[in-house]
Amino acid sequence: MSLMELTWAWLVDPAHWTGYSGIPARLGEHAFYSVLTLAIACAIALPIGAYVGHTGRGRTVVVALAGALRAVPTLGLLVLFVLLAGIGLMPPIWALVILTVPPILAGTYSGIAAVDPVIVDAARAQGMQEHQVLLRVELPNALPVIFGGIRAGVLQVIATATVVAYTNLGGLGRYIFDGLSLSDYPQMLGGSVLVAGLAVVVDLALGTLLRRLGPRMPSARELPAPEAMHELQQEGLS
């Protein structure tokens, strides 16, 4: 039998779909690691990106930091955190968080910074406070771009969460590392197929949601009065 046939036989084997090491259990562990990583990354990246995009302060630092974090090897970070903090759940999660923060940070910052300045200035002229401008005008307009950054972060963490198995945790990466140690290539390929399949399904779901969001403008209550917008446009032309 070829490797592909052996891999298919491994995937459809009922024995691999039950028990604590079965595919559903490993899939649930992989999803848990990914969701936990994404929650922490969003808690860090969204406020920082919103602040920088709204105020313009720290723009150079954020761009440089996001670029630098993209170049950091996740496996090297994982080993470093394990050496510093020991074996456990959080060392690999923090390594994944560092990988996930840059696309979310970049999407939030660039989305808010790209909002039409005329709309922002008109909102301020109407008497909105800075936090109201951010929450009621800039964020709704930037939502598709922000969501695009989150989407990129989700796909990265799903693909990279396999490394947590390096520290004897679970997830779909367990099949890859166990298969490598046993020279069980169908198991290795089967684990890789499951990770790729999960990433594709999640990407399709997020893509559908992103298309439904579309380019969203503020609601009627959120928009500045037409007179204020006209006034600002005339000032810009003069």
C-alpha atoms as a PDB file:
ATOM      1  CA  MET A   1       0.000   0.000   0.000  1.00  0.00           C
ATOM      2  CA  SER A   2       1.137   3.538  -0.712  1.00  0.00           C
ATOM      3  CA  LEU A   3       1.638   6.141   1.988  1.00  0.00           C
ATOM      4  CA  MET A   4      -1.593   7.888   1.001  1.00  0.00           C
ATOM      5  CA  GLU A   5      -3.562   4.652   1.270  1.00  0.00           C
ATOM      6  CA  LEU A   6      -2.017   3.888   4.666  1.00  0.00           C
ATOM      7  CA  THR A   7      -2.819   7.428   5.824  1.00  0.00           C
ATOM      8  CA  TRP A   8      -6.430   7.077   4.712  1.00  0.00           C
ATOM      9  CA  ALA A   9      -6.667   3.740   6.505  1.00  0.00           C
ATOM     10  CA  TRP A  10      -5.316   5.398   9.662  1.00  0.00           C
ATOM     11  CA  LEU A  11      -7.821   8.251   9.417  1.00  0.00           C
ATOM     12  CA  VAL A  12     -10.879   6.017   8.984  1.00  0.00           C
ATOM     13  CA  ASP A  13      -9.847   3.445  11.568  1.00  0.00           C
ATOM     14  CA  PRO A  14     -12.623   3.476  14.241  1.00  0.00           C
ATOM     15  CA  ALA A  15     -10.001   2.854  16.940  1.00  0.00           C
ATOM     16  CA  HIS A  16      -8.587   6.332  16.276  1.00  0.00           C
ATOM     17  CA  TRP A  17     -11.943   8.048  16.877  1.00  0.00           C
ATOM     18  CA  THR A  18     -12.510   6.937  20.461  1.00  0.00           C
ATOM     19  CA  GLY A  19     -10.784   7.314  23.816  1.00  0.00           C
ATOM     20  CA  TYR A  20      -8.706  10.051  25.384  1.00  0.00           C
ATOM     21  CA  SER A  21      -6.193   9.907  22.511  1.00  0.00           C
ATOM     22  CA  GLY A  22      -8.808   9.693  19.748  1.00  0.00           C
ATOM     23  CA  ILE A  23      -9.192  12.301  17.038  1.00  0.00           C
ATOM     24  CA  PRO A  24     -12.224  14.076  18.629  1.00  0.00           C
ATOM     25  CA  ALA A  25     -10.374  14.413  21.958  1.00  0.00           C
ATOM     26  CA  ARG A  26      -7.197  15.684  20.284  1.00  0.00           C
ATOM     27  CA  LEU A  27      -9.254  18.061  18.155  1.00  0.00           C
ATOM     28  CA  GLY A  28     -10.906  19.453  21.283  1.00  0.00           C
ATOM     29  CA  GLU A  29      -7.514  19.970  22.939  1.00  0.00           C
ATOM     30  CA  HIS A  30      -6.184  21.710  19.824  1.00  0.00           C
ATOM     31  CA  ALA A  31      -9.231  23.993  19.733  1.00  0.00           C
ATOM     32  CA  PHE A  32      -8.818  24.797  23.442  1.00  0.00           C
ATOM     33  CA  TYR A  33      -5.171  25.808  23.016  1.00  0.00           C
ATOM     34  CA  SER A  34      -6.072  27.929  19.982  1.00  0.00           C
ATOM     35  CA  VAL A  35      -8.993  29.717  21.664  1.00  0.00           C
ATOM     36  CA  LEU A  36      -6.984  30.400  24.829  1.00  0.00           C
ATOM     37  CA  THR A  37      -4.103  31.780  22.781  1.00  0.00           C
ATOM     38  CA  LEU A  38      -6.423  33.956  20.692  1.00  0.00           C
ATOM     39  CA  ALA A  39      -8.191  35.351  23.777  1.00  0.00           C
ATOM     40  CA  ILE A  40      -4.904  36.393  25.398  1.00  0.00           C
ATOM     41  CA  ALA A  41      -3.532  37.809  22.137  1.00  0.00           C
ATOM     42  CA  CYS A  42      -6.696  39.862  21.528  1.00  0.00           C
ATOM     43  CA  ALA A  43      -6.617  41.181  25.106  1.00  0.00           C
ATOM     44  CA  ILE A  44      -3.097  42.450  24.434  1.00  0.00           C
ATOM     45  CA  ALA A  45      -3.223  43.532  20.789  1.00  0.00           C
ATOM     46  CA  LEU A  46      -6.683  45.110  20.424  1.00  0.00           C
ATOM     47  CA  PRO A  47      -6.297  47.854  23.084  1.00  0.00           C
ATOM     48  CA  ILE A  48      -2.747  48.710  21.989  1.00  0.00           C
ATOM     49  CA  GLY A  49      -3.691  48.755  18.305  1.00  0.00           C
ATOM     50  CA  ALA A  50      -6.773  50.881  19.004  1.00  0.00           C
ATOM     51  CA  TYR A  51      -4.752  53.381  21.043  1.00  0.00           C
ATOM     52  CA  VAL A  52      -1.997  53.706  18.455  1.00  0.00           C
ATOM     53  CA  GLY A  53      -4.430  53.901  15.537  1.00  0.00           C
ATOM     54  CA  HIS A  54      -6.528  56.557  17.267  1.00  0.00           C
ATOM     55  CA  THR A  55      -3.744  58.758  18.628  1.00  0.00           C
ATOM     56  CA  GLY A  56      -0.894  58.006  16.216  1.00  0.00           C
ATOM     57  CA  ARG A  57       1.465  57.723  19.180  1.00  0.00           C
ATOM     58  CA  GLY A  58       3.990  54.914  19.178  1.00  0.00           C
ATOM     59  CA  ARG A  59       3.305  54.129  15.520  1.00  0.00           C
ATOM     60  CA  THR A  60       6.958  53.481  14.649  1.00  0.00           C
ATOM     61  CA  VAL A  61       7.512  51.307  17.704  1.00  0.00           C
ATOM     62  CA  VAL A  62       4.400  49.210  17.027  1.00  0.00           C
ATOM     63  CA  VAL A  63       5.264  48.640  13.367  1.00  0.00           C
ATOM     64  CA  ALA A  64       8.834  47.659  14.249  1.00  0.00           C
ATOM     65  CA  LEU A  65       7.689  45.421  17.116  1.00  0.00           C
ATOM     66  CA  ALA A  66       5.088  43.647  14.994  1.00  0.00           C
ATOM     67  CA  GLY A  67       7.682  42.977  12.307  1.00  0.00           C
ATOM     68  CA  ALA A  68      10.212  41.714  14.826  1.00  0.00           C
ATOM     69  CA  LEU A  69       7.752  39.367  16.523  1.00  0.00           C
ATOM     70  CA  ARG A  70       6.859  37.804  13.169  1.00  0.00           C
ATOM     71  CA  ALA A  71      10.494  36.784  12.730  1.00  0.00           C
ATOM     72  CA  VAL A  72      10.827  35.092  16.133  1.00  0.00           C
ATOM     73  CA  PRO A  73      10.905  31.265  15.844  1.00  0.00           C
ATOM     74  CA  THR A  74       8.016  29.800  17.828  1.00  0.00           C
ATOM     75  CA  LEU A  75       9.809  26.564  18.698  1.00  0.00           C
ATOM     76  CA  GLY A  76      12.789  28.513  20.041  1.00  0.00           C
ATOM     77  CA  LEU A  77      10.442  30.615  22.193  1.00  0.00           C
ATOM     78  CA  LEU A  78       8.710  27.468  23.390  1.00  0.00           C
ATOM     79  CA  VAL A  79      11.987  25.940  24.549  1.00  0.00           C
ATOM     80  CA  LEU A  80      12.998  29.218  26.221  1.00  0.00           C
ATOM     81  CA  PHE A  81       9.710  29.530  28.145  1.00  0.00           C
ATOM     82  CA  VAL A  82       9.852  25.889  29.208  1.00  0.00           C
ATOM     83  CA  LEU A  83      13.392  26.353  30.513  1.00  0.00           C
ATOM     84  CA  LEU A  84      12.335  29.476  32.419  1.00  0.00           C
ATOM     85  CA  ALA A  85       8.921  28.358  33.701  1.00  0.00           C
ATOM     86  CA  GLY A  86       9.008  24.564  33.497  1.00  0.00           C
ATOM     87  CA  ILE A  87       6.647  22.077  31.888  1.00  0.00           C
ATOM     88  CA  GLY A  88       3.008  23.121  31.935  1.00  0.00           C
ATOM     89  CA  LEU A  89       0.191  24.669  29.927  1.00  0.00           C
ATOM     90  CA  MET A  90       1.199  28.342  29.894  1.00  0.00           C
ATOM     91  CA  PRO A  91       4.811  28.278  28.580  1.00  0.00           C
ATOM     92  CA  PRO A  92       3.745  26.989  25.136  1.00  0.00           C
ATOM     93  CA  ILE A  93       0.659  29.217  25.198  1.00  0.00           C
ATOM     94  CA  TRP A  94       2.802  32.324  25.716  1.00  0.00           C
ATOM     95  CA  ALA A  95       4.991  31.262  22.796  1.00  0.00           C
ATOM     96  CA  LEU A  96       1.877  31.023  20.623  1.00  0.00           C
ATOM     97  CA  VAL A  97       0.597  34.380  21.918  1.00  0.00           C
ATOM     98  CA  ILE A  98       3.779  36.099  20.725  1.00  0.00           C
ATOM     99  CA  LEU A  99       3.160  34.623  17.277  1.00  0.00           C
ATOM    100  CA  THR A 100      -0.518  35.657  17.247  1.00  0.00           C
ATOM    101  CA  VAL A 101      -0.207  39.247  18.474  1.00  0.00           C
ATOM    102  CA  PRO A 102       1.434  40.828  15.343  1.00  0.00           C
ATOM    103  CA  PRO A 103      -1.366  40.255  12.778  1.00  0.00           C
ATOM    104  CA  ILE A 104      -4.071  41.342  15.247  1.00  0.00           C
ATOM    105  CA  LEU A 105      -2.056  44.391  16.294  1.00  0.00           C
ATOM    106  CA  ALA A 106      -1.331  45.364  12.681  1.00  0.00           C
ATOM    107  CA  GLY A 107      -4.952  44.871  11.618  1.00  0.00           C
ATOM    108  CA  THR A 108      -6.329  46.952  14.497  1.00  0.00           C
ATOM    109  CA  TYR A 109      -3.838  49.765  14.077  1.00  0.00           C
ATOM    110  CA  SER A 110      -4.080  49.989  10.290  1.00  0.00           C
ATOM    111  CA  GLY A 111      -7.875  49.675  10.263  1.00  0.00           C
ATOM    112  CA  ILE A 112      -8.423  52.548  12.686  1.00  0.00           C
ATOM    113  CA  ALA A 113      -5.706  54.703  11.135  1.00  0.00           C
ATOM    114  CA  ALA A 114      -7.341  54.295   7.709  1.00  0.00           C
ATOM    115  CA  VAL A 115     -10.728  55.697   8.763  1.00  0.00           C
ATOM    116  CA  ASP A 116     -11.634  58.801   6.745  1.00  0.00           C
ATOM    117  CA  PRO A 117     -10.305  61.834   8.696  1.00  0.00           C
ATOM    118  CA  VAL A 118     -13.299  63.912   7.571  1.00  0.00           C
ATOM    119  CA  ILE A 119     -15.682  61.599   9.441  1.00  0.00           C
ATOM    120  CA  VAL A 120     -13.457  61.621  12.534  1.00  0.00           C
ATOM    121  CA  ASP A 121     -13.123  65.419  12.520  1.00  0.00           C
ATOM    122  CA  ALA A 122     -16.855  65.823  12.000  1.00  0.00           C
ATOM    123  CA  ALA A 123     -17.540  63.581  14.993  1.00  0.00           C
ATOM    124  CA  ARG A 124     -15.253  65.721  17.134  1.00  0.00           C
ATOM    125  CA  ALA A 125     -16.909  68.888  15.852  1.00  0.00           C
ATOM    126  CA  GLN A 126     -20.249  67.472  16.936  1.00  0.00           C
ATOM    127  CA  GLY A 127     -18.920  67.314  20.487  1.00  0.00           C
ATOM    128  CA  MET A 128     -17.998  63.656  20.812  1.00  0.00           C
ATOM    129  CA  GLN A 129     -15.332  62.793  23.373  1.00  0.00           C
ATOM    130  CA  GLU A 130     -12.253  60.909  22.185  1.00  0.00           C
ATOM    131  CA  HIS A 131     -13.463  57.574  23.537  1.00  0.00           C
ATOM    132  CA  GLN A 132     -16.798  58.107  21.766  1.00  0.00           C
ATOM    133  CA  VAL A 133     -15.016  58.847  18.499  1.00  0.00           C
ATOM    134  CA  LEU A 134     -13.036  55.629  18.887  1.00  0.00           C
ATOM    135  CA  LEU A 135     -15.927  53.382  19.941  1.00  0.00           C
ATOM    136  CA  ARG A 136     -18.758  54.817  17.845  1.00  0.00           C
ATOM    137  CA  VAL A 137     -17.024  55.996  14.680  1.00  0.00           C
ATOM    138  CA  GLU A 138     -13.546  54.532  14.171  1.00  0.00           C
ATOM    139  CA  LEU A 139     -14.080  50.978  15.407  1.00  0.00           C
ATOM    140  CA  PRO A 140     -17.256  50.333  13.360  1.00  0.00           C
ATOM    141  CA  ASN A 141     -15.507  51.561  10.194  1.00  0.00           C
ATOM    142  CA  ALA A 142     -12.335  49.586  10.942  1.00  0.00           C
ATOM    143  CA  LEU A 143     -14.144  46.376  11.912  1.00  0.00           C
ATOM    144  CA  PRO A 144     -13.562  44.476   8.623  1.00  0.00           C
ATOM    145  CA  VAL A 145      -9.821  45.224   8.691  1.00  0.00           C
ATOM    146  CA  ILE A 146      -9.566  44.337  12.391  1.00  0.00           C
ATOM    147  CA  PHE A 147     -11.443  41.104  11.782  1.00  0.00           C
ATOM    148  CA  GLY A 148      -9.073  40.341   8.907  1.00  0.00           C
ATOM    149  CA  GLY A 149      -6.137  40.621  11.305  1.00  0.00           C
ATOM    150  CA  ILE A 150      -7.860  38.335  13.789  1.00  0.00           C
ATOM    151  CA  ARG A 151      -8.559  35.875  10.982  1.00  0.00           C
ATOM    152  CA  ALA A 152      -4.875  35.774  10.056  1.00  0.00           C
ATOM    153  CA  GLY A 153      -3.957  35.271  13.716  1.00  0.00           C
ATOM    154  CA  VAL A 154      -6.445  32.403  14.087  1.00  0.00           C
ATOM    155  CA  LEU A 155      -5.007  30.548  11.097  1.00  0.00           C
ATOM    156  CA  GLN A 156      -1.456  31.014  12.345  1.00  0.00           C
ATOM    157  CA  VAL A 157      -2.236  29.722  15.807  1.00  0.00           C
ATOM    158  CA  ILE A 158      -4.159  26.702  14.494  1.00  0.00           C
ATOM    159  CA  ALA A 159      -1.245  25.756  12.258  1.00  0.00           C
ATOM    160  CA  THR A 160       1.388  26.365  14.927  1.00  0.00           C
ATOM    161  CA  ALA A 161      -0.426  24.953  17.980  1.00  0.00           C
ATOM    162  CA  THR A 162       1.026  21.581  17.020  1.00  0.00           C
ATOM    163  CA  VAL A 163       4.250  22.611  18.802  1.00  0.00           C
ATOM    164  CA  VAL A 164       2.584  22.324  22.221  1.00  0.00           C
ATOM    165  CA  ALA A 165       2.892  18.546  21.828  1.00  0.00           C
ATOM    166  CA  TYR A 166       6.654  19.050  22.079  1.00  0.00           C
ATOM    167  CA  THR A 167       6.128  19.592  25.818  1.00  0.00           C
ATOM    168  CA  ASN A 168       3.993  16.433  26.232  1.00  0.00           C
ATOM    169  CA  LEU A 169       0.696  18.299  25.959  1.00  0.00           C
ATOM    170  CA  GLY A 170      -2.115  17.128  23.678  1.00  0.00           C
ATOM    171  CA  GLY A 171      -3.675  18.474  20.527  1.00  0.00           C
ATOM    172  CA  LEU A 172      -3.365  17.288  16.952  1.00  0.00           C
ATOM    173  CA  GLY A 173       0.390  17.816  17.114  1.00  0.00           C
ATOM    174  CA  ARG A 174       0.529  14.739  19.333  1.00  0.00           C
ATOM    175  CA  TYR A 175       0.030  12.566  16.246  1.00  0.00           C
ATOM    176  CA  ILE A 176       2.922  14.276  14.471  1.00  0.00           C
ATOM    177  CA  PHE A 177       5.401  13.998  17.353  1.00  0.00           C
ATOM    178  CA  ASP A 178       4.327  10.464  18.303  1.00  0.00           C
ATOM    179  CA  GLY A 179       4.477   9.385  14.685  1.00  0.00           C
ATOM    180  CA  LEU A 180       7.952  10.873  14.352  1.00  0.00           C
ATOM    181  CA  SER A 181       9.248   9.039  17.422  1.00  0.00           C
ATOM    182  CA  LEU A 182       7.747   5.728  16.211  1.00  0.00           C
ATOM    183  CA  SER A 183       8.545   6.263  12.514  1.00  0.00           C
ATOM    184  CA  ASP A 184       4.804   5.928  11.936  1.00  0.00           C
ATOM    185  CA  TYR A 185       4.519   8.044   8.798  1.00  0.00           C
ATOM    186  CA  PRO A 186       0.800   7.447   8.170  1.00  0.00           C
ATOM    187  CA  GLN A 187       0.089   8.809  11.676  1.00  0.00           C
ATOM    188  CA  MET A 188       2.329  11.827  11.009  1.00  0.00           C
ATOM    189  CA  LEU A 189       0.655  12.576   7.691  1.00  0.00           C
ATOM    190  CA  GLY A 190      -2.775  11.931   9.169  1.00  0.00           C
ATOM    191  CA  GLY A 191      -2.102  14.472  11.936  1.00  0.00           C
ATOM    192  CA  SER A 192      -0.922  17.004   9.365  1.00  0.00           C
ATOM    193  CA  VAL A 193      -4.060  16.442   7.270  1.00  0.00           C
ATOM    194  CA  LEU A 194      -6.260  16.997  10.326  1.00  0.00           C
ATOM    195  CA  VAL A 195      -4.498  20.274  11.167  1.00  0.00           C
ATOM    196  CA  ALA A 196      -4.776  21.471   7.566  1.00  0.00           C
ATOM    197  CA  GLY A 197      -8.433  20.443   7.420  1.00  0.00           C
ATOM    198  CA  LEU A 198      -9.227  22.293  10.651  1.00  0.00           C
ATOM    199  CA  ALA A 199      -7.482  25.432   9.344  1.00  0.00           C
ATOM    200  CA  VAL A 200      -9.417  25.286   6.053  1.00  0.00           C
ATOM    201  CA  VAL A 201     -12.797  24.832   7.779  1.00  0.00           C
ATOM    202  CA  VAL A 202     -12.138  27.686  10.212  1.00  0.00           C
ATOM    203  CA  ASP A 203     -10.869  29.935   7.401  1.00  0.00           C
ATOM    204  CA  LEU A 204     -13.998  29.317   5.332  1.00  0.00           C
ATOM    205  CA  ALA A 205     -16.202  30.076   8.334  1.00  0.00           C
ATOM    206  CA  LEU A 206     -14.325  33.279   9.147  1.00  0.00           C
ATOM    207  CA  GLY A 207     -14.314  34.314   5.486  1.00  0.00           C
ATOM    208  CA  THR A 208     -18.094  33.934   5.348  1.00  0.00           C
ATOM    209  CA  LEU A 209     -18.465  35.986   8.518  1.00  0.00           C
ATOM    210  CA  LEU A 210     -16.121  38.666   7.163  1.00  0.00           C
ATOM    211  CA  ARG A 211     -18.147  38.969   3.951  1.00  0.00           C
ATOM    212  CA  ARG A 212     -21.295  39.408   5.997  1.00  0.00           C
ATOM    213  CA  LEU A 213     -19.685  42.132   8.063  1.00  0.00           C
ATOM    214  CA  GLY A 214     -18.687  44.054   4.948  1.00  0.00           C
ATOM    215  CA  PRO A 215     -17.540  47.667   5.019  1.00  0.00           C
ATOM    216  CA  ARG A 216     -19.636  48.922   7.914  1.00  0.00           C
ATOM    217  CA  MET A 217     -20.406  52.598   8.356  1.00  0.00           C
ATOM    218  CA  PRO A 218     -21.610  54.066  11.650  1.00  0.00           C
ATOM    219  CA  SER A 219     -25.337  54.090  12.288  1.00  0.00           C
ATOM    220  CA  ALA A 220     -27.439  57.233  11.985  1.00  0.00           C
ATOM    221  CA  ARG A 221     -26.997  57.993  15.673  1.00  0.00           C
ATOM    222  CA  GLU A 222     -23.251  57.585  15.395  1.00  0.00           C
ATOM    223  CA  LEU A 223     -22.787  59.812  12.347  1.00  0.00           C
ATOM    224  CA  PRO A 224     -22.131  63.523  12.819  1.00  0.00           C
ATOM    225  CA  ALA A 225     -24.751  65.979  11.691  1.00  0.00           C
ATOM    226  CA  PRO A 226     -24.679  66.701   7.922  1.00  0.00           C
ATOM    227  CA  GLU A 227     -24.112  70.404   8.580  1.00  0.00           C
ATOM    228  CA  ALA A 228     -20.977  69.655  10.576  1.00  0.00           C
ATOM    229  CA  MET A 229     -19.629  67.341   7.888  1.00  0.00           C
ATOM    230  CA  HIS A 230     -20.341  69.900   5.168  1.00  0.00           C
ATOM    231  CA  GLU A 231     -18.632  72.608   7.168  1.00  0.00           C
ATOM    232  CA  LEU A 232     -15.507  70.492   7.648  1.00  0.00           C
ATOM    233  CA  GLN A 233     -15.429  69.505   3.991  1.00  0.00           C
ATOM    234  CA  GLN A 234     -15.608  73.159   2.978  1.00  0.00           C
ATOM    235  CA  GLU A 235     -12.784  73.996   5.388  1.00  0.00           C
ATOM    236  CA  GLY A 236     -10.704  71.222   3.871  1.00  0.00           C
ATOM    237  CA  LEU A 237     -11.256  72.616   0.372  1.00  0.00           C
ATOM    238  CA  SER A 238     -10.482  76.200   1.346  1.00  0.00           C
END
